[in-house]
Amino acid sequence: MHAGRDRVEIGLVVYPGVQQAAVLGLTDLFQLANRLAADRSPDALRLRVSHWQWQEASQTVIRSFDSEPGPDNGPAMVILPPTLGDPIAREAAAPYADWLRARHAAGATLGSVCAGAFVLAEAGLLSGRAATTHWAYRDALAMRFPDILLDADKLVIDDGDIITAGGYMAWTDLGLKLVDRVLGPTVMMDTARFMLVDPPGREQRFYSPFAPRLNHGDEAILKVQHWLQARGARDVTLATMAEHAALEERTFLRRFRNATGLKPTEYCQHLRVGKAREMLQATTRPIDQIAWDVGYDDPGSFRKVFARITGLAPGDYRRRFGAERAAVVGVGS
């Protein structure tokens, strides 16, 4: 992450028409999380909260607020809060596009709430990606950006390097999710209890979701990670990954493991299992079908990989974390 020795910066984009209550609410949420983390450990990481907006005079996006001024490495996480009115117009979003693409290319995690997804979409960052938005804006987003894999039935879609939240007040869900990533589930739960809000449903799981390492600085490997994330690591081979990175296979293997801490095959397994976990939580789809949907031709192989990564068989995972009781047919572990 782009951070100081003990800080991780989260940037909130104050674009035209942004809901100020969400900007200030997220600022307070992260400050509260800092306090609760420090109560548990004086050596805990801290969240540095910054606000970013377009400045006409300099023709660039500048930091307009900084809770803990320090080295200017850019935020490790960037949030597009909701809007008070209609989704942002293309012309109003344009000044932020280059900056958002640069942050993403540098390894930052991007997040949006409600109509904030339109700002990410205008920058081309949701093309071919799974995303959600407020149900009232579903048709508008689908019409403007037909290449987005839109699922407005979901409150939060965590796609690793890009997280989208749908509801008008879902900034609390997104904020708590980022607290969990940086400060851990205990501080996240402390923060949710203090604010008297429900923690994100998917964060109540006993096993943490896969959060890929994106801040390693290897642009060729980061490009492959974004490509794998966008296609769900389906139908990929070592040769195609190396080709996408424009590297010889042995060089790609070495650099990929150095950058991510995993072999390419392990990384792809984690991505597929992450998708499967979401399906097991949110649907009653048969497990064999889920195995196929995430890229496994052999359900038996899927079950073995799933159990190795999560510690639970798929059926046990669904019984423990599924939103609804699974259908009897096809749900055996």
C-alpha atoms as a PDB file:
ATOM      1  CA  MET A   1       0.000   0.000   0.000  1.00  0.00           C
ATOM      2  CA  HIS A   2       1.014   3.572  -0.562  1.00  0.00           C
ATOM      3  CA  ALA A   3       1.590   4.496   3.054  1.00  0.00           C
ATOM      4  CA  GLY A   4       3.952   6.052   5.470  1.00  0.00           C
ATOM      5  CA  ARG A   5       5.699   3.841   7.963  1.00  0.00           C
ATOM      6  CA  ASP A   6       2.537   3.563  10.069  1.00  0.00           C
ATOM      7  CA  ARG A   7      -0.210   5.129   7.946  1.00  0.00           C
ATOM      8  CA  VAL A   8      -2.430   4.063   5.072  1.00  0.00           C
ATOM      9  CA  GLU A   9      -4.028   6.916   3.157  1.00  0.00           C
ATOM     10  CA  ILE A  10      -7.665   6.774   2.058  1.00  0.00           C
ATOM     11  CA  GLY A  11      -8.674   9.510  -0.370  1.00  0.00           C
ATOM     12  CA  LEU A  12     -12.269  10.744  -0.725  1.00  0.00           C
ATOM     13  CA  VAL A  13     -13.056  12.426  -4.050  1.00  0.00           C
ATOM     14  CA  VAL A  14     -15.116  15.606  -3.638  1.00  0.00           C
ATOM     15  CA  TYR A  15     -16.560  15.789  -7.148  1.00  0.00           C
ATOM     16  CA  PRO A  16     -19.382  18.150  -8.275  1.00  0.00           C
ATOM     17  CA  GLY A  17     -22.673  17.254  -6.566  1.00  0.00           C
ATOM     18  CA  VAL A  18     -21.105  14.855  -4.066  1.00  0.00           C
ATOM     19  CA  GLN A  19     -23.062  14.112  -0.902  1.00  0.00           C
ATOM     20  CA  GLN A  20     -21.148  16.049   1.747  1.00  0.00           C
ATOM     21  CA  ALA A  21     -22.734  14.024   4.548  1.00  0.00           C
ATOM     22  CA  ALA A  22     -21.086  10.899   3.141  1.00  0.00           C
ATOM     23  CA  VAL A  23     -17.712  12.640   2.771  1.00  0.00           C
ATOM     24  CA  LEU A  24     -17.817  13.839   6.367  1.00  0.00           C
ATOM     25  CA  GLY A  25     -19.335  10.587   7.612  1.00  0.00           C
ATOM     26  CA  LEU A  26     -16.561   8.507   6.063  1.00  0.00           C
ATOM     27  CA  THR A  27     -13.978  10.912   7.456  1.00  0.00           C
ATOM     28  CA  ASP A  28     -15.447  10.463  10.934  1.00  0.00           C
ATOM     29  CA  LEU A  29     -15.754   6.679  10.521  1.00  0.00           C
ATOM     30  CA  PHE A  30     -12.060   6.323   9.683  1.00  0.00           C
ATOM     31  CA  GLN A  31     -11.034   8.683  12.502  1.00  0.00           C
ATOM     32  CA  LEU A  32     -13.134   6.657  14.935  1.00  0.00           C
ATOM     33  CA  ALA A  33     -11.509   3.448  13.699  1.00  0.00           C
ATOM     34  CA  ASN A  34      -8.104   5.017  14.365  1.00  0.00           C
ATOM     35  CA  ARG A  35      -9.079   5.767  17.943  1.00  0.00           C
ATOM     36  CA  LEU A  36     -10.473   2.292  18.570  1.00  0.00           C
ATOM     37  CA  ALA A  37      -7.406   0.665  16.999  1.00  0.00           C
ATOM     38  CA  ALA A  38      -5.117   2.747  19.218  1.00  0.00           C
ATOM     39  CA  ASP A  39      -7.134   1.703  22.279  1.00  0.00           C
ATOM     40  CA  ARG A  40      -6.276  -1.905  21.483  1.00  0.00           C
ATOM     41  CA  SER A  41      -2.657  -1.299  20.479  1.00  0.00           C
ATOM     42  CA  PRO A  42      -0.590   1.902  20.598  1.00  0.00           C
ATOM     43  CA  ASP A  43       1.431   0.544  17.665  1.00  0.00           C
ATOM     44  CA  ALA A  44      -1.588  -0.017  15.408  1.00  0.00           C
ATOM     45  CA  LEU A  45      -1.603   1.262  11.849  1.00  0.00           C
ATOM     46  CA  ARG A  46      -3.427   4.550  11.324  1.00  0.00           C
ATOM     47  CA  LEU A  47      -5.743   5.651   8.546  1.00  0.00           C
ATOM     48  CA  ARG A  48      -4.754   8.940   6.953  1.00  0.00           C
ATOM     49  CA  VAL A  49      -7.914  10.506   5.495  1.00  0.00           C
ATOM     50  CA  SER A  50      -7.659  12.991   2.643  1.00  0.00           C
ATOM     51  CA  HIS A  51     -10.102  14.830   0.379  1.00  0.00           C
ATOM     52  CA  TRP A  52      -9.338  15.365  -3.310  1.00  0.00           C
ATOM     53  CA  GLN A  53     -10.941  17.743  -5.795  1.00  0.00           C
ATOM     54  CA  TRP A  54     -10.323  19.366  -9.161  1.00  0.00           C
ATOM     55  CA  GLN A  55      -8.601  22.744  -9.073  1.00  0.00           C
ATOM     56  CA  GLU A  56      -9.181  24.919 -12.116  1.00  0.00           C
ATOM     57  CA  ALA A  57      -6.149  27.125 -11.477  1.00  0.00           C
ATOM     58  CA  SER A  58      -3.665  24.244 -11.624  1.00  0.00           C
ATOM     59  CA  GLN A  59      -5.779  22.052 -13.917  1.00  0.00           C
ATOM     60  CA  THR A  60      -5.179  19.049 -11.693  1.00  0.00           C
ATOM     61  CA  VAL A  61      -6.716  17.062  -8.833  1.00  0.00           C
ATOM     62  CA  ILE A  62      -5.341  18.310  -5.518  1.00  0.00           C
ATOM     63  CA  ARG A  63      -5.495  17.224  -1.892  1.00  0.00           C
ATOM     64  CA  SER A  64      -7.832  19.740  -0.235  1.00  0.00           C
ATOM     65  CA  PHE A  65      -7.887  18.160   3.238  1.00  0.00           C
ATOM     66  CA  ASP A  66      -5.431  15.925   5.059  1.00  0.00           C
ATOM     67  CA  SER A  67      -6.072  14.484   8.505  1.00  0.00           C
ATOM     68  CA  GLU A  68      -2.419  13.576   9.047  1.00  0.00           C
ATOM     69  CA  PRO A  69      -0.103  15.448   6.654  1.00  0.00           C
ATOM     70  CA  GLY A  70       2.906  13.416   5.603  1.00  0.00           C
ATOM     71  CA  PRO A  71       4.748  12.096   2.543  1.00  0.00           C
ATOM     72  CA  ASP A  72       2.826  12.714  -0.670  1.00  0.00           C
ATOM     73  CA  ASN A  73       2.776   9.186  -2.098  1.00  0.00           C
ATOM     74  CA  GLY A  74      -0.859   9.319  -3.140  1.00  0.00           C
ATOM     75  CA  PRO A  75      -3.728   7.414  -1.487  1.00  0.00           C
ATOM     76  CA  ALA A  76      -3.660   3.625  -1.269  1.00  0.00           C
ATOM     77  CA  MET A  77      -7.451   3.603  -1.447  1.00  0.00           C
ATOM     78  CA  VAL A  78      -9.759   6.030  -3.253  1.00  0.00           C
ATOM     79  CA  ILE A  79     -13.514   6.378  -2.651  1.00  0.00           C
ATOM     80  CA  LEU A  80     -16.126   8.000  -4.909  1.00  0.00           C
ATOM     81  CA  PRO A  81     -18.966   8.884  -2.472  1.00  0.00           C
ATOM     82  CA  PRO A  82     -22.627   9.119  -3.528  1.00  0.00           C
ATOM     83  CA  THR A  83     -24.242  12.140  -5.135  1.00  0.00           C
ATOM     84  CA  LEU A  84     -27.152  14.213  -3.867  1.00  0.00           C
ATOM     85  CA  GLY A  85     -28.890  14.415  -7.229  1.00  0.00           C
ATOM     86  CA  ASP A  86     -28.578  12.883 -10.657  1.00  0.00           C
ATOM     87  CA  PRO A  87     -25.449  10.906 -11.606  1.00  0.00           C
ATOM     88  CA  ILE A  88     -22.520  13.041 -12.661  1.00  0.00           C
ATOM     89  CA  ALA A  89     -22.451  14.257 -16.264  1.00  0.00           C
ATOM     90  CA  ARG A  90     -19.682  13.082 -18.581  1.00  0.00           C
ATOM     91  CA  GLU A  91     -18.184  16.588 -18.782  1.00  0.00           C
ATOM     92  CA  ALA A  92     -18.071  16.992 -14.990  1.00  0.00           C
ATOM     93  CA  ALA A  93     -16.438  13.588 -14.507  1.00  0.00           C
ATOM     94  CA  ALA A  94     -13.807  14.062 -17.212  1.00  0.00           C
ATOM     95  CA  PRO A  95     -11.279  16.026 -15.088  1.00  0.00           C
ATOM     96  CA  TYR A  96     -10.996  13.097 -12.659  1.00  0.00           C
ATOM     97  CA  ALA A  97     -10.501  10.341 -15.245  1.00  0.00           C
ATOM     98  CA  ASP A  98      -6.732  10.554 -15.743  1.00  0.00           C
ATOM     99  CA  TRP A  99      -6.102  10.875 -12.010  1.00  0.00           C
ATOM    100  CA  LEU A 100      -8.251   7.846 -11.180  1.00  0.00           C
ATOM    101  CA  ARG A 101      -6.611   5.742 -13.888  1.00  0.00           C
ATOM    102  CA  ALA A 102      -3.178   6.749 -12.593  1.00  0.00           C
ATOM    103  CA  ARG A 103      -4.070   5.835  -9.010  1.00  0.00           C
ATOM    104  CA  HIS A 104      -5.423   2.457 -10.132  1.00  0.00           C
ATOM    105  CA  ALA A 105      -2.362   1.772 -12.275  1.00  0.00           C
ATOM    106  CA  ALA A 106      -0.183   2.551  -9.247  1.00  0.00           C
ATOM    107  CA  GLY A 107      -1.951  -0.174  -7.238  1.00  0.00           C
ATOM    108  CA  ALA A 108      -4.623   1.787  -5.382  1.00  0.00           C
ATOM    109  CA  THR A 109      -7.893   0.089  -4.482  1.00  0.00           C
ATOM    110  CA  LEU A 110     -10.861   2.047  -5.855  1.00  0.00           C
ATOM    111  CA  GLY A 111     -14.328   2.170  -4.315  1.00  0.00           C
ATOM    112  CA  SER A 112     -17.636   3.821  -5.123  1.00  0.00           C
ATOM    113  CA  VAL A 113     -20.955   4.308  -3.376  1.00  0.00           C
ATOM    114  CA  CYS A 114     -24.316   4.644  -5.124  1.00  0.00           C
ATOM    115  CA  ALA A 115     -23.948   6.992  -8.136  1.00  0.00           C
ATOM    116  CA  GLY A 116     -20.219   7.327  -7.465  1.00  0.00           C
ATOM    117  CA  ALA A 117     -19.933   4.326  -9.795  1.00  0.00           C
ATOM    118  CA  PHE A 118     -20.602   6.677 -12.715  1.00  0.00           C
ATOM    119  CA  VAL A 119     -17.328   8.512 -12.032  1.00  0.00           C
ATOM    120  CA  LEU A 120     -15.376   5.241 -12.148  1.00  0.00           C
ATOM    121  CA  ALA A 121     -17.258   4.192 -15.265  1.00  0.00           C
ATOM    122  CA  GLU A 122     -16.495   7.461 -17.065  1.00  0.00           C
ATOM    123  CA  ALA A 123     -12.800   6.760 -16.438  1.00  0.00           C
ATOM    124  CA  GLY A 124     -13.200   3.360 -18.123  1.00  0.00           C
ATOM    125  CA  LEU A 125     -12.367   1.523 -14.913  1.00  0.00           C
ATOM    126  CA  LEU A 126     -15.544  -0.584 -14.757  1.00  0.00           C
ATOM    127  CA  SER A 127     -15.355  -1.869 -18.318  1.00  0.00           C
ATOM    128  CA  GLY A 128     -15.867  -5.629 -18.246  1.00  0.00           C
ATOM    129  CA  ARG A 129     -15.998  -5.595 -14.445  1.00  0.00           C
ATOM    130  CA  ALA A 130     -18.696  -6.656 -11.991  1.00  0.00           C
ATOM    131  CA  ALA A 131     -20.236  -3.639 -10.274  1.00  0.00           C
ATOM    132  CA  THR A 132     -23.320  -2.376  -8.465  1.00  0.00           C
ATOM    133  CA  THR A 133     -25.045   0.957  -7.980  1.00  0.00           C
ATOM    134  CA  HIS A 134     -28.270   2.273  -6.449  1.00  0.00           C
ATOM    135  CA  TRP A 135     -31.302   0.474  -7.877  1.00  0.00           C
ATOM    136  CA  ALA A 136     -32.730   3.807  -9.054  1.00  0.00           C
ATOM    137  CA  TYR A 137     -29.677   4.345 -11.289  1.00  0.00           C
ATOM    138  CA  ARG A 138     -29.456   0.779 -12.599  1.00  0.00           C
ATOM    139  CA  ASP A 139     -30.987   1.463 -16.007  1.00  0.00           C
ATOM    140  CA  ALA A 140     -29.060   4.709 -16.503  1.00  0.00           C
ATOM    141  CA  LEU A 141     -25.729   3.028 -15.732  1.00  0.00           C
ATOM    142  CA  ALA A 142     -26.522   0.046 -17.959  1.00  0.00           C
ATOM    143  CA  MET A 143     -27.509   2.316 -20.837  1.00  0.00           C
ATOM    144  CA  ARG A 144     -24.481   4.590 -20.568  1.00  0.00           C
ATOM    145  CA  PHE A 145     -22.002   1.761 -19.986  1.00  0.00           C
ATOM    146  CA  PRO A 146     -23.332  -1.491 -21.470  1.00  0.00           C
ATOM    147  CA  ASP A 147     -19.985  -3.275 -21.002  1.00  0.00           C
ATOM    148  CA  ILE A 148     -20.274  -3.216 -17.189  1.00  0.00           C
ATOM    149  CA  LEU A 149     -21.330  -6.524 -15.600  1.00  0.00           C
ATOM    150  CA  LEU A 150     -24.011  -4.786 -13.557  1.00  0.00           C
ATOM    151  CA  ASP A 151     -25.732  -6.511 -10.635  1.00  0.00           C
ATOM    152  CA  ALA A 152     -27.841  -3.913  -8.841  1.00  0.00           C
ATOM    153  CA  ASP A 153     -29.359  -6.604  -6.597  1.00  0.00           C
ATOM    154  CA  LYS A 154     -26.147  -6.730  -4.580  1.00  0.00           C
ATOM    155  CA  LEU A 155     -25.402  -4.149  -1.913  1.00  0.00           C
ATOM    156  CA  VAL A 156     -21.628  -4.549  -2.179  1.00  0.00           C
ATOM    157  CA  ILE A 157     -19.480  -6.161  -4.866  1.00  0.00           C
ATOM    158  CA  ASP A 158     -15.882  -6.661  -3.787  1.00  0.00           C
ATOM    159  CA  ASP A 159     -13.864  -7.329  -6.924  1.00  0.00           C
ATOM    160  CA  GLY A 160     -10.493  -7.069  -5.211  1.00  0.00           C
ATOM    161  CA  ASP A 161      -8.997  -3.888  -6.605  1.00  0.00           C
ATOM    162  CA  ILE A 162     -12.409  -2.280  -7.207  1.00  0.00           C
ATOM    163  CA  ILE A 163     -15.256  -2.291  -4.669  1.00  0.00           C
ATOM    164  CA  THR A 164     -18.691  -0.881  -5.483  1.00  0.00           C
ATOM    165  CA  ALA A 165     -21.529  -0.311  -3.008  1.00  0.00           C
ATOM    166  CA  GLY A 166     -25.111   0.229  -4.126  1.00  0.00           C
ATOM    167  CA  GLY A 167     -27.216   1.882  -1.454  1.00  0.00           C
ATOM    168  CA  TYR A 168     -27.421   5.598  -0.731  1.00  0.00           C
ATOM    169  CA  MET A 169     -26.156   4.966   2.800  1.00  0.00           C
ATOM    170  CA  ALA A 170     -23.858   2.089   1.823  1.00  0.00           C
ATOM    171  CA  TRP A 171     -20.858   4.317   2.524  1.00  0.00           C
ATOM    172  CA  THR A 172     -20.921   2.737   5.983  1.00  0.00           C
ATOM    173  CA  ASP A 173     -20.584  -0.747   4.448  1.00  0.00           C
ATOM    174  CA  LEU A 174     -17.730   0.345   2.194  1.00  0.00           C
ATOM    175  CA  GLY A 175     -16.004   2.241   4.992  1.00  0.00           C
ATOM    176  CA  LEU A 176     -16.176  -0.727   7.349  1.00  0.00           C
ATOM    177  CA  LYS A 177     -14.909  -3.044   4.619  1.00  0.00           C
ATOM    178  CA  LEU A 178     -11.814  -0.872   4.178  1.00  0.00           C
ATOM    179  CA  VAL A 179     -11.311  -0.686   7.947  1.00  0.00           C
ATOM    180  CA  ASP A 180     -11.381  -4.490   7.974  1.00  0.00           C
ATOM    181  CA  ARG A 181      -8.768  -4.663   5.206  1.00  0.00           C
ATOM    182  CA  VAL A 182      -6.338  -2.302   6.910  1.00  0.00           C
ATOM    183  CA  LEU A 183      -6.987  -2.543  10.657  1.00  0.00           C
ATOM    184  CA  GLY A 184      -8.553  -6.000  10.844  1.00  0.00           C
ATOM    185  CA  PRO A 185     -11.959  -7.507  11.684  1.00  0.00           C
ATOM    186  CA  THR A 186     -11.782  -6.765  15.420  1.00  0.00           C
ATOM    187  CA  VAL A 187     -11.402  -3.014  14.900  1.00  0.00           C
ATOM    188  CA  MET A 188     -14.036  -3.147  12.163  1.00  0.00           C
ATOM    189  CA  MET A 189     -16.526  -4.769  14.554  1.00  0.00           C
ATOM    190  CA  ASP A 190     -15.604  -2.282  17.307  1.00  0.00           C
ATOM    191  CA  THR A 191     -16.285   0.581  14.899  1.00  0.00           C
ATOM    192  CA  ALA A 192     -19.624  -0.862  13.761  1.00  0.00           C
ATOM    193  CA  ARG A 193     -20.762  -1.389  17.352  1.00  0.00           C
ATOM    194  CA  PHE A 194     -19.746   2.135  18.374  1.00  0.00           C
ATOM    195  CA  MET A 195     -21.663   3.618  15.423  1.00  0.00           C
ATOM    196  CA  LEU A 196     -24.652   1.329  16.049  1.00  0.00           C
ATOM    197  CA  VAL A 197     -24.623   0.102  12.452  1.00  0.00           C
ATOM    198  CA  ASP A 198     -24.644  -3.435  11.123  1.00  0.00           C
ATOM    199  CA  PRO A 199     -21.268  -4.644   9.878  1.00  0.00           C
ATOM    200  CA  PRO A 200     -21.091  -5.689   6.219  1.00  0.00           C
ATOM    201  CA  GLY A 201     -22.692  -9.120   5.925  1.00  0.00           C
ATOM    202  CA  ARG A 202     -19.775 -10.671   4.068  1.00  0.00           C
ATOM    203  CA  GLU A 203     -17.359  -9.523   6.765  1.00  0.00           C
ATOM    204  CA  GLN A 204     -19.101 -11.606   9.401  1.00  0.00           C
ATOM    205  CA  ARG A 205     -17.650 -14.680   7.837  1.00  0.00           C
ATOM    206  CA  PHE A 206     -15.113 -16.599   9.881  1.00  0.00           C
ATOM    207  CA  TYR A 207     -12.592 -16.662   7.064  1.00  0.00           C
ATOM    208  CA  SER A 208     -11.195 -13.505   5.511  1.00  0.00           C
ATOM    209  CA  PRO A 209     -11.709 -12.838   1.783  1.00  0.00           C
ATOM    210  CA  PHE A 210      -8.771 -12.836  -0.589  1.00  0.00           C
ATOM    211  CA  ALA A 211      -7.182  -9.361  -0.806  1.00  0.00           C
ATOM    212  CA  PRO A 212      -4.521  -9.508  -3.535  1.00  0.00           C
ATOM    213  CA  ARG A 213      -1.272  -7.610  -3.102  1.00  0.00           C
ATOM    214  CA  LEU A 214      -1.378  -4.717  -5.583  1.00  0.00           C
ATOM    215  CA  ASN A 215       1.180  -2.261  -4.233  1.00  0.00           C
ATOM    216  CA  HIS A 216       4.341  -4.088  -5.321  1.00  0.00           C
ATOM    217  CA  GLY A 217       5.362  -1.617  -8.025  1.00  0.00           C
ATOM    218  CA  ASP A 218       5.776  -4.157 -10.848  1.00  0.00           C
ATOM    219  CA  GLU A 219       3.644  -2.655 -13.622  1.00  0.00           C
ATOM    220  CA  ALA A 220       3.768  -5.731 -15.864  1.00  0.00           C
ATOM    221  CA  ILE A 221       2.509  -8.002 -13.080  1.00  0.00           C
ATOM    222  CA  LEU A 222      -0.130  -5.487 -11.953  1.00  0.00           C
ATOM    223  CA  LYS A 223      -1.438  -5.411 -15.522  1.00  0.00           C
ATOM    224  CA  VAL A 224      -1.861  -9.199 -15.421  1.00  0.00           C
ATOM    225  CA  GLN A 225      -3.563  -9.015 -12.003  1.00  0.00           C
ATOM    226  CA  HIS A 226      -6.114  -6.523 -13.320  1.00  0.00           C
ATOM    227  CA  TRP A 227      -6.662  -8.739 -16.369  1.00  0.00           C
ATOM    228  CA  LEU A 228      -7.157 -11.855 -14.233  1.00  0.00           C
ATOM    229  CA  GLN A 229      -9.548 -10.018 -11.914  1.00  0.00           C
ATOM    230  CA  ALA A 230     -11.638  -8.800 -14.838  1.00  0.00           C
ATOM    231  CA  ARG A 231     -12.037 -12.304 -16.329  1.00  0.00           C
ATOM    232  CA  GLY A 232     -12.340 -14.176 -13.024  1.00  0.00           C
ATOM    233  CA  ALA A 233      -9.123 -16.103 -13.783  1.00  0.00           C
ATOM    234  CA  ARG A 234     -11.105 -18.308 -16.173  1.00  0.00           C
ATOM    235  CA  ASP A 235      -9.535 -20.057 -19.165  1.00  0.00           C
ATOM    236  CA  VAL A 236      -6.025 -18.761 -18.526  1.00  0.00           C
ATOM    237  CA  THR A 237      -2.671 -20.478 -18.898  1.00  0.00           C
ATOM    238  CA  LEU A 238       0.854 -19.630 -17.879  1.00  0.00           C
ATOM    239  CA  ALA A 239       1.595 -18.860 -21.519  1.00  0.00           C
ATOM    240  CA  THR A 240      -1.289 -16.398 -21.883  1.00  0.00           C
ATOM    241  CA  MET A 241      -0.412 -14.665 -18.606  1.00  0.00           C
ATOM    242  CA  ALA A 242       3.231 -14.308 -19.607  1.00  0.00           C
ATOM    243  CA  GLU A 243       2.173 -13.036 -23.021  1.00  0.00           C
ATOM    244  CA  HIS A 244      -0.131 -10.459 -21.408  1.00  0.00           C
ATOM    245  CA  ALA A 245       2.806  -9.272 -19.294  1.00  0.00           C
ATOM    246  CA  ALA A 246       5.095  -9.259 -22.353  1.00  0.00           C
ATOM    247  CA  LEU A 247       7.572 -11.445 -20.460  1.00  0.00           C
ATOM    248  CA  GLU A 248       9.282 -14.785 -21.018  1.00  0.00           C
ATOM    249  CA  GLU A 249       7.567 -17.509 -18.964  1.00  0.00           C
ATOM    250  CA  ARG A 250      10.392 -18.124 -16.488  1.00  0.00           C
ATOM    251  CA  THR A 251      10.836 -14.394 -15.933  1.00  0.00           C
ATOM    252  CA  PHE A 252       7.082 -13.990 -15.492  1.00  0.00           C
ATOM    253  CA  LEU A 253       6.927 -16.805 -12.920  1.00  0.00           C
ATOM    254  CA  ARG A 254       9.727 -15.274 -10.864  1.00  0.00           C
ATOM    255  CA  ARG A 255       8.378 -11.739 -10.985  1.00  0.00           C
ATOM    256  CA  PHE A 256       4.788 -12.805 -10.315  1.00  0.00           C
ATOM    257  CA  ARG A 257       5.730 -14.712  -7.181  1.00  0.00           C
ATOM    258  CA  ASN A 258       7.996 -11.905  -5.967  1.00  0.00           C
ATOM    259  CA  ALA A 259       5.210  -9.365  -6.490  1.00  0.00           C
ATOM    260  CA  THR A 260       2.187 -11.272  -5.173  1.00  0.00           C
ATOM    261  CA  GLY A 261       3.672 -13.879  -2.837  1.00  0.00           C
ATOM    262  CA  LEU A 262       1.853 -16.614  -4.773  1.00  0.00           C
ATOM    263  CA  LYS A 263       2.441 -18.790  -7.804  1.00  0.00           C
ATOM    264  CA  PRO A 264       0.167 -17.857 -10.733  1.00  0.00           C
ATOM    265  CA  THR A 265      -1.832 -21.078 -10.300  1.00  0.00           C
ATOM    266  CA  GLU A 266      -2.336 -20.378  -6.585  1.00  0.00           C
ATOM    267  CA  TYR A 267      -3.351 -16.799  -7.312  1.00  0.00           C
ATOM    268  CA  CYS A 268      -5.950 -17.934  -9.853  1.00  0.00           C
ATOM    269  CA  GLN A 269      -7.308 -20.489  -7.381  1.00  0.00           C
ATOM    270  CA  HIS A 270      -7.753 -17.781  -4.749  1.00  0.00           C
ATOM    271  CA  LEU A 271      -9.613 -15.556  -7.219  1.00  0.00           C
ATOM    272  CA  ARG A 272     -11.939 -18.386  -8.279  1.00  0.00           C
ATOM    273  CA  VAL A 273     -12.622 -19.469  -4.712  1.00  0.00           C
ATOM    274  CA  GLY A 274     -13.359 -15.851  -3.801  1.00  0.00           C
ATOM    275  CA  LYS A 275     -16.042 -15.729  -6.494  1.00  0.00           C
ATOM    276  CA  ALA A 276     -17.410 -19.071  -5.317  1.00  0.00           C
ATOM    277  CA  ARG A 277     -17.650 -17.852  -1.726  1.00  0.00           C
ATOM    278  CA  GLU A 278     -19.791 -14.914  -2.837  1.00  0.00           C
ATOM    279  CA  MET A 279     -22.100 -17.245  -4.782  1.00  0.00           C
ATOM    280  CA  LEU A 280     -22.398 -19.638  -1.842  1.00  0.00           C
ATOM    281  CA  GLN A 281     -23.358 -16.760   0.419  1.00  0.00           C
ATOM    282  CA  ALA A 282     -25.807 -15.029  -1.880  1.00  0.00           C
ATOM    283  CA  THR A 283     -27.448 -17.814  -3.929  1.00  0.00           C
ATOM    284  CA  THR A 284     -28.891 -21.311  -3.643  1.00  0.00           C
ATOM    285  CA  ARG A 285     -27.254 -22.358  -6.899  1.00  0.00           C
ATOM    286  CA  PRO A 286     -26.059 -26.000  -6.822  1.00  0.00           C
ATOM    287  CA  ILE A 287     -22.411 -26.355  -5.859  1.00  0.00           C
ATOM    288  CA  ASP A 288     -21.556 -28.252  -9.027  1.00  0.00           C
ATOM    289  CA  GLN A 289     -22.940 -25.330 -11.038  1.00  0.00           C
ATOM    290  CA  ILE A 290     -20.911 -22.842  -8.990  1.00  0.00           C
ATOM    291  CA  ALA A 291     -17.798 -24.911  -9.648  1.00  0.00           C
ATOM    292  CA  TRP A 292     -18.475 -24.653 -13.375  1.00  0.00           C
ATOM    293  CA  ASP A 293     -19.306 -20.927 -13.178  1.00  0.00           C
ATOM    294  CA  VAL A 294     -15.962 -20.072 -11.574  1.00  0.00           C
ATOM    295  CA  GLY A 295     -13.943 -22.139 -14.019  1.00  0.00           C
ATOM    296  CA  TYR A 296     -13.706 -25.729 -12.737  1.00  0.00           C
ATOM    297  CA  ASP A 297     -14.691 -28.584 -15.062  1.00  0.00           C
ATOM    298  CA  ASP A 298     -14.330 -31.117 -12.231  1.00  0.00           C
ATOM    299  CA  PRO A 299     -16.497 -30.379  -9.139  1.00  0.00           C
ATOM    300  CA  GLY A 300     -14.322 -32.736  -7.098  1.00  0.00           C
ATOM    301  CA  SER A 301     -11.229 -30.662  -7.813  1.00  0.00           C
ATOM    302  CA  PHE A 302     -13.165 -27.508  -6.925  1.00  0.00           C
ATOM    303  CA  ARG A 303     -14.187 -28.962  -3.549  1.00  0.00           C
ATOM    304  CA  LYS A 304     -10.586 -29.889  -2.718  1.00  0.00           C
ATOM    305  CA  VAL A 305      -9.245 -26.435  -3.632  1.00  0.00           C
ATOM    306  CA  PHE A 306     -12.093 -24.678  -1.796  1.00  0.00           C
ATOM    307  CA  ALA A 307     -11.526 -26.686   1.396  1.00  0.00           C
ATOM    308  CA  ARG A 308      -7.771 -26.120   1.266  1.00  0.00           C
ATOM    309  CA  ILE A 309      -8.145 -22.343   0.952  1.00  0.00           C
ATOM    310  CA  THR A 310     -11.092 -21.717   3.298  1.00  0.00           C
ATOM    311  CA  GLY A 311     -10.844 -24.616   5.731  1.00  0.00           C
ATOM    312  CA  LEU A 312     -14.467 -25.589   5.007  1.00  0.00           C
ATOM    313  CA  ALA A 313     -16.203 -27.752   2.427  1.00  0.00           C
ATOM    314  CA  PRO A 314     -18.455 -25.669   0.131  1.00  0.00           C
ATOM    315  CA  GLY A 315     -21.627 -27.076   1.682  1.00  0.00           C
ATOM    316  CA  ASP A 316     -20.414 -26.336   5.216  1.00  0.00           C
ATOM    317  CA  TYR A 317     -19.433 -22.830   4.140  1.00  0.00           C
ATOM    318  CA  ARG A 318     -22.913 -22.214   2.719  1.00  0.00           C
ATOM    319  CA  ARG A 319     -24.636 -23.533   5.852  1.00  0.00           C
ATOM    320  CA  ARG A 320     -22.535 -21.256   8.020  1.00  0.00           C
ATOM    321  CA  PHE A 321     -22.531 -18.091   5.936  1.00  0.00           C
ATOM    322  CA  GLY A 322     -25.321 -18.317   3.360  1.00  0.00           C
ATOM    323  CA  ALA A 323     -28.010 -15.650   3.485  1.00  0.00           C
ATOM    324  CA  GLU A 324     -30.708 -18.268   2.977  1.00  0.00           C
ATOM    325  CA  ARG A 325     -30.921 -21.970   3.738  1.00  0.00           C
ATOM    326  CA  ALA A 326     -29.586 -23.745   0.671  1.00  0.00           C
ATOM    327  CA  ALA A 327     -31.885 -25.824  -1.472  1.00  0.00           C
ATOM    328  CA  VAL A 328     -31.637 -29.495  -0.673  1.00  0.00           C
ATOM    329  CA  VAL A 329     -30.881 -30.641  -4.212  1.00  0.00           C
ATOM    330  CA  GLY A 330     -27.298 -30.219  -5.339  1.00  0.00           C
ATOM    331  CA  VAL A 331     -26.014 -28.525  -2.214  1.00  0.00           C
ATOM    332  CA  GLY A 332     -24.155 -31.378  -0.602  1.00  0.00           C
ATOM    333  CA  SER A 333     -20.597 -30.724   0.435  1.00  0.00           C
END
